[in-house]
Every structure is written in C-alpha cells, then in structure tokens.
Amino acid sequence: MQPLELDDLLPPEEFAARRRELFLTHARYVDRYRRVRIGPAVTLLFENRQTLLYRLQEMLRVARLRDPHQVRQELTRVNGLLPRAGALQAALILHVDERHWDREMALWSQLRGEHLTFILGPRHRPADLLTARPEDRALGTAHWVQFALSMEERAILADLRYPAGFRLHLPGYEYDSGPLSEEVRLSLSGDTVTANRVA
C-alpha cells in the first residue's frame, strides 16, 4: 500500500468547503467496505489509504495545522498505520457503557490477541494486538489489531466459496461477526495484495 504524500491532501480551504460531502462519502465507504461488528460492544474498522487520508484531513482541520513541517510529521505518523504487506490492520473500537465503566474496562483489560480470531474457511488466524507503538495512538484510537495472513489465508479470503468472519472469545464476551459480506471481503482482500508500506 503506497504511503500517503503531501500531494494527496486537499488544501485546507477546499477540505473545509467540501467537508459535509466528503464526510458522507467516507461514512458510506466505511459502512459498506471497512466496518465489521462483533456483538453489541466491539467494532473493527479496517484502515487503508482511503480511510486514513480522510482521518488525517479531519485531524489537520481540527488542530488547524498548516505548517508544512508539522503536516509532514503527521503524515509520517499516519503512514505508520498503513498495514504491512500481507496483513490487515484495524482499529478495535469498544462501545463501553459509562455507567459501568470500571466493570467493563476490567473485562477489556483481559483482552489478548488469541481472544480475537479471523476465521478463514478451515484456518483460524489470531490477532496481534498493537497498542504499545506511538503510531498506534496517532489518531486517538486506543486499540489496534493486526492479522498477518499467510498466502493460503489470503487466497481463502479472496475465494467466496469459503466462509470468512471474526470471533471474539473472551470470558464474559463471546460473539461472532457472522459471515463477512462480499464487499468487505473483496475490499480486505485488495489490501493484502496492495499492501507495500514503506518503513
């Protein structure tokens, strides 16, 4: 996946003028191709060049960053979130009831990579949790997961004859995503083919 460049960014005035249109386009794209829900409290939002470009533009707008040096720094951080070759990377978003914050956070503090599995036909690929790297927190997301797929697993993901979905198996929270839609599968499969992040 090619890194984002300064030339990919809209001028701040143009982004501000088109913000509503761009937001609606982004939201439709994410809902159709990039978002997977696992039960009532967990959403996986798979990041790629398109999702990160919108989020970067919005972050630059909110922070009012225009200095070229600062913009380049943010661009570098965001490029660190692009998945590496053969892998998928997602923000893991928790929907926590604030009335029961302590209890729910105690549950999620137990989360490990082996609790979240990508089921690809007969293969089960556990997640790698990526929450310690500075770039993982660059856009304010607390939890990041990665699935490093073998060649066989990438082929299964692209082959719609095989079932594919996610399972979260944590004591107190056990849910499946159900089968992924064809749109999500093809979008994610495209990531594994084009991922080529520059370190």
Protein backbone atom coordinates (compact mmCIF):
# COMPACT_ATOMS: atom_id res chain seq x y z
CA MET A 1 0.00 0.00 0.00
CA GLN A 2 1.59 3.22 -1.14
CA PRO A 3 2.22 5.77 1.62
CA LEU A 4 0.25 8.99 1.65
CA GLU A 5 2.02 12.02 0.21
CA LEU A 6 1.55 15.76 0.67
CA ASP A 7 0.08 15.89 -2.83
CA ASP A 8 -2.77 13.61 -1.69
CA LEU A 9 -4.04 16.25 0.75
CA LEU A 10 -6.67 18.75 -0.27
CA PRO A 11 -5.89 22.39 0.53
CA PRO A 12 -7.46 23.20 3.95
CA GLU A 13 -9.96 25.65 2.43
CA GLU A 14 -11.17 23.11 -0.12
CA PHE A 15 -11.49 20.38 2.52
CA ALA A 16 -13.50 22.73 4.77
CA ALA A 17 -15.78 23.74 1.89
CA ARG A 18 -16.42 20.10 0.89
CA ARG A 19 -16.36 18.64 4.40
CA ARG A 20 -20.01 17.50 4.56
CA GLU A 21 -19.82 15.86 1.13
CA LEU A 22 -16.51 14.17 1.99
CA PHE A 23 -17.81 13.01 5.38
CA LEU A 24 -20.87 11.37 3.81
CA THR A 25 -18.74 9.68 1.15
CA HIS A 26 -16.31 8.46 3.82
CA ALA A 27 -19.11 7.18 6.07
CA ARG A 28 -20.75 5.24 3.21
CA TYR A 29 -17.41 3.71 2.20
CA VAL A 30 -16.56 2.66 5.76
CA ASP A 31 -20.00 1.16 6.41
CA ARG A 32 -20.04 -0.81 3.18
CA TYR A 33 -16.43 -1.97 2.90
CA ARG A 34 -14.42 -1.46 6.09
CA ARG A 35 -16.54 -1.90 9.25
CA VAL A 36 -17.20 -5.26 10.94
CA ARG A 37 -19.28 -5.54 14.11
CA ILE A 38 -18.67 -8.35 16.60
CA GLY A 39 -21.55 -8.39 19.04
CA PRO A 40 -23.00 -5.24 20.64
CA ALA A 41 -19.80 -3.75 22.06
CA VAL A 42 -17.00 -4.28 19.51
CA THR A 43 -16.38 -2.88 16.04
CA LEU A 44 -13.38 -3.49 13.81
CA LEU A 45 -12.62 -0.61 11.46
CA PHE A 46 -10.09 -1.76 8.87
CA GLU A 47 -7.74 1.01 7.86
CA ASN A 48 -6.32 1.63 4.42
CA ARG A 49 -5.07 4.58 2.44
CA GLN A 50 -8.57 5.96 1.82
CA THR A 51 -9.78 5.80 5.43
CA LEU A 52 -6.56 7.26 6.81
CA LEU A 53 -6.49 10.11 4.29
CA TYR A 54 -9.90 11.33 5.42
CA ARG A 55 -9.00 11.00 9.10
CA LEU A 56 -5.74 12.88 8.55
CA GLN A 57 -7.51 15.71 6.73
CA GLU A 58 -10.05 15.99 9.55
CA MET A 59 -7.35 15.93 12.23
CA LEU A 60 -5.38 18.66 10.44
CA ARG A 61 -8.55 20.75 10.22
CA VAL A 62 -9.42 20.37 13.91
CA ALA A 63 -5.84 21.05 15.03
CA ARG A 64 -5.51 23.89 12.49
CA LEU A 65 -2.16 22.55 11.38
CA ARG A 66 -0.81 24.32 8.31
CA ASP A 67 2.91 24.48 8.96
CA PRO A 68 4.47 22.18 6.31
CA HIS A 69 6.91 20.64 8.81
CA GLN A 70 4.09 19.73 11.24
CA VAL A 71 1.92 18.40 8.43
CA ARG A 72 4.80 16.17 7.26
CA GLN A 73 5.23 14.87 10.82
CA GLU A 74 1.53 13.91 10.98
CA LEU A 75 1.77 12.34 7.53
CA THR A 76 4.67 10.18 8.74
CA ARG A 77 2.69 9.07 11.81
CA VAL A 78 -0.37 8.21 9.76
CA ASN A 79 1.69 6.27 7.21
CA GLY A 80 2.88 4.17 10.14
CA LEU A 81 -0.72 2.95 10.47
CA LEU A 82 -0.88 1.51 6.97
CA PRO A 83 -0.83 -2.29 7.02
CA ARG A 84 2.36 -4.04 6.06
CA ALA A 85 2.49 -6.44 3.13
CA GLY A 86 0.16 -9.41 3.52
CA ALA A 87 -1.51 -8.04 6.65
CA LEU A 88 -4.75 -6.35 7.63
CA GLN A 89 -4.83 -3.68 10.31
CA ALA A 90 -7.88 -2.39 12.17
CA ALA A 91 -8.90 -0.03 14.91
CA LEU A 92 -10.71 -2.06 17.56
CA ILE A 93 -13.44 0.20 18.90
CA LEU A 94 -15.12 -0.63 22.21
CA HIS A 95 -18.60 0.68 22.93
CA VAL A 96 -18.46 0.99 26.71
CA ASP A 97 -21.42 1.88 28.93
CA GLU A 98 -20.04 4.73 31.03
CA ARG A 99 -22.43 3.88 33.88
CA HIS A 100 -20.48 0.63 34.34
CA TRP A 101 -17.05 1.92 33.28
CA ASP A 102 -14.92 0.14 35.90
CA ARG A 103 -16.60 -3.23 35.42
CA GLU A 104 -16.46 -3.09 31.64
CA MET A 105 -12.88 -1.88 31.48
CA ALA A 106 -11.89 -4.71 33.84
CA LEU A 107 -13.31 -7.10 31.24
CA TRP A 108 -11.47 -5.48 28.32
CA SER A 109 -8.18 -5.27 30.21
CA GLN A 110 -8.02 -9.07 29.82
CA LEU A 111 -8.10 -8.86 26.01
CA ARG A 112 -5.24 -10.70 24.28
CA GLY A 113 -4.58 -11.42 20.64
CA GLU A 114 -5.63 -15.05 20.91
CA HIS A 115 -9.14 -13.96 22.02
CA LEU A 116 -9.84 -12.40 18.61
CA THR A 117 -9.71 -14.75 15.64
CA PHE A 118 -10.13 -14.30 11.90
CA ILE A 119 -11.85 -17.45 10.65
CA LEU A 120 -10.97 -18.20 7.02
CA GLY A 121 -12.50 -21.49 5.94
CA PRO A 122 -10.62 -24.15 7.94
CA ARG A 123 -7.97 -21.67 9.14
CA HIS A 124 -8.13 -19.62 12.34
CA ARG A 125 -5.74 -16.64 12.47
CA PRO A 126 -5.38 -14.98 15.91
CA ALA A 127 -4.91 -11.22 16.05
CA ASP A 128 -1.75 -9.40 17.05
CA LEU A 129 -2.54 -6.55 19.46
CA LEU A 130 -0.68 -3.37 18.56
CA THR A 131 -1.30 -0.92 21.37
CA ALA A 132 2.21 -0.01 22.50
CA ARG A 133 3.63 1.71 19.44
CA PRO A 134 3.42 5.51 19.29
CA GLU A 135 1.96 5.42 15.78
CA ASP A 136 -0.92 3.25 17.02
CA ARG A 137 -2.14 6.19 19.08
CA ALA A 138 -1.52 8.80 16.38
CA LEU A 139 -5.20 9.31 15.64
CA GLY A 140 -6.51 8.83 19.17
CA THR A 141 -7.51 5.17 18.88
CA ALA A 142 -6.58 3.16 21.96
CA HIS A 143 -6.69 -0.36 20.48
CA TRP A 144 -5.21 -1.63 17.23
CA VAL A 145 -5.12 -5.17 15.90
CA GLN A 146 -3.31 -6.76 13.01
CA PHE A 147 -3.84 -10.03 11.17
CA ALA A 148 -0.74 -11.26 9.35
CA LEU A 149 -2.13 -13.62 6.71
CA SER A 150 -0.29 -16.46 5.03
CA MET A 151 -0.51 -16.87 1.25
CA GLU A 152 -3.08 -19.65 1.75
CA GLU A 153 -5.19 -17.47 4.07
CA ARG A 154 -5.10 -14.59 1.57
CA ALA A 155 -6.29 -16.96 -1.15
CA ILE A 156 -9.15 -18.18 1.07
CA LEU A 157 -10.19 -14.60 1.85
CA ALA A 158 -10.45 -13.85 -1.89
CA ASP A 159 -12.32 -17.10 -2.63
CA LEU A 160 -16.00 -16.52 -1.82
CA ARG A 161 -16.68 -20.27 -1.72
CA TYR A 162 -15.12 -20.36 1.75
CA PRO A 163 -16.76 -18.83 4.83
CA ALA A 164 -14.98 -15.90 6.49
CA GLY A 165 -15.69 -13.96 9.67
CA PHE A 166 -14.39 -12.92 13.07
CA ARG A 167 -14.82 -14.45 16.52
CA LEU A 168 -14.19 -12.76 19.85
CA HIS A 169 -13.95 -15.34 22.61
CA LEU A 170 -13.31 -13.58 25.91
CA PRO A 171 -14.81 -14.76 29.21
CA GLY A 172 -17.88 -12.56 29.59
CA TYR A 173 -17.99 -11.61 25.88
CA GLU A 174 -18.33 -14.31 23.23
CA TYR A 175 -19.62 -13.27 19.82
CA ASP A 176 -19.13 -13.97 16.12
CA SER A 177 -19.35 -11.33 13.41
CA GLY A 178 -21.34 -13.60 11.15
CA PRO A 179 -20.23 -14.09 7.55
CA LEU A 180 -18.48 -11.11 6.01
CA SER A 181 -20.25 -9.51 3.05
CA GLU A 182 -18.77 -9.91 -0.41
CA GLU A 183 -17.97 -6.17 -0.45
CA VAL A 184 -15.98 -6.34 2.80
CA ARG A 185 -14.12 -9.46 1.73
CA LEU A 186 -13.08 -8.07 -1.63
CA SER A 187 -12.03 -4.78 -0.06
CA LEU A 188 -9.91 -6.52 2.59
CA SER A 189 -8.51 -8.93 0.04
CA GLY A 190 -7.39 -5.95 -2.02
CA ASP A 191 -5.43 -4.68 0.98
CA THR A 192 -3.41 -7.87 1.24
CA VAL A 193 -2.49 -7.66 -2.45
CA THR A 194 -1.55 -3.96 -2.49
CA ALA A 195 -0.02 -3.59 0.97
CA ASN A 196 3.55 -2.40 0.48
CA ARG A 197 4.21 0.08 3.25
CA VAL A 198 7.48 1.96 3.24
CA ALA A 199 9.02 1.60 6.69
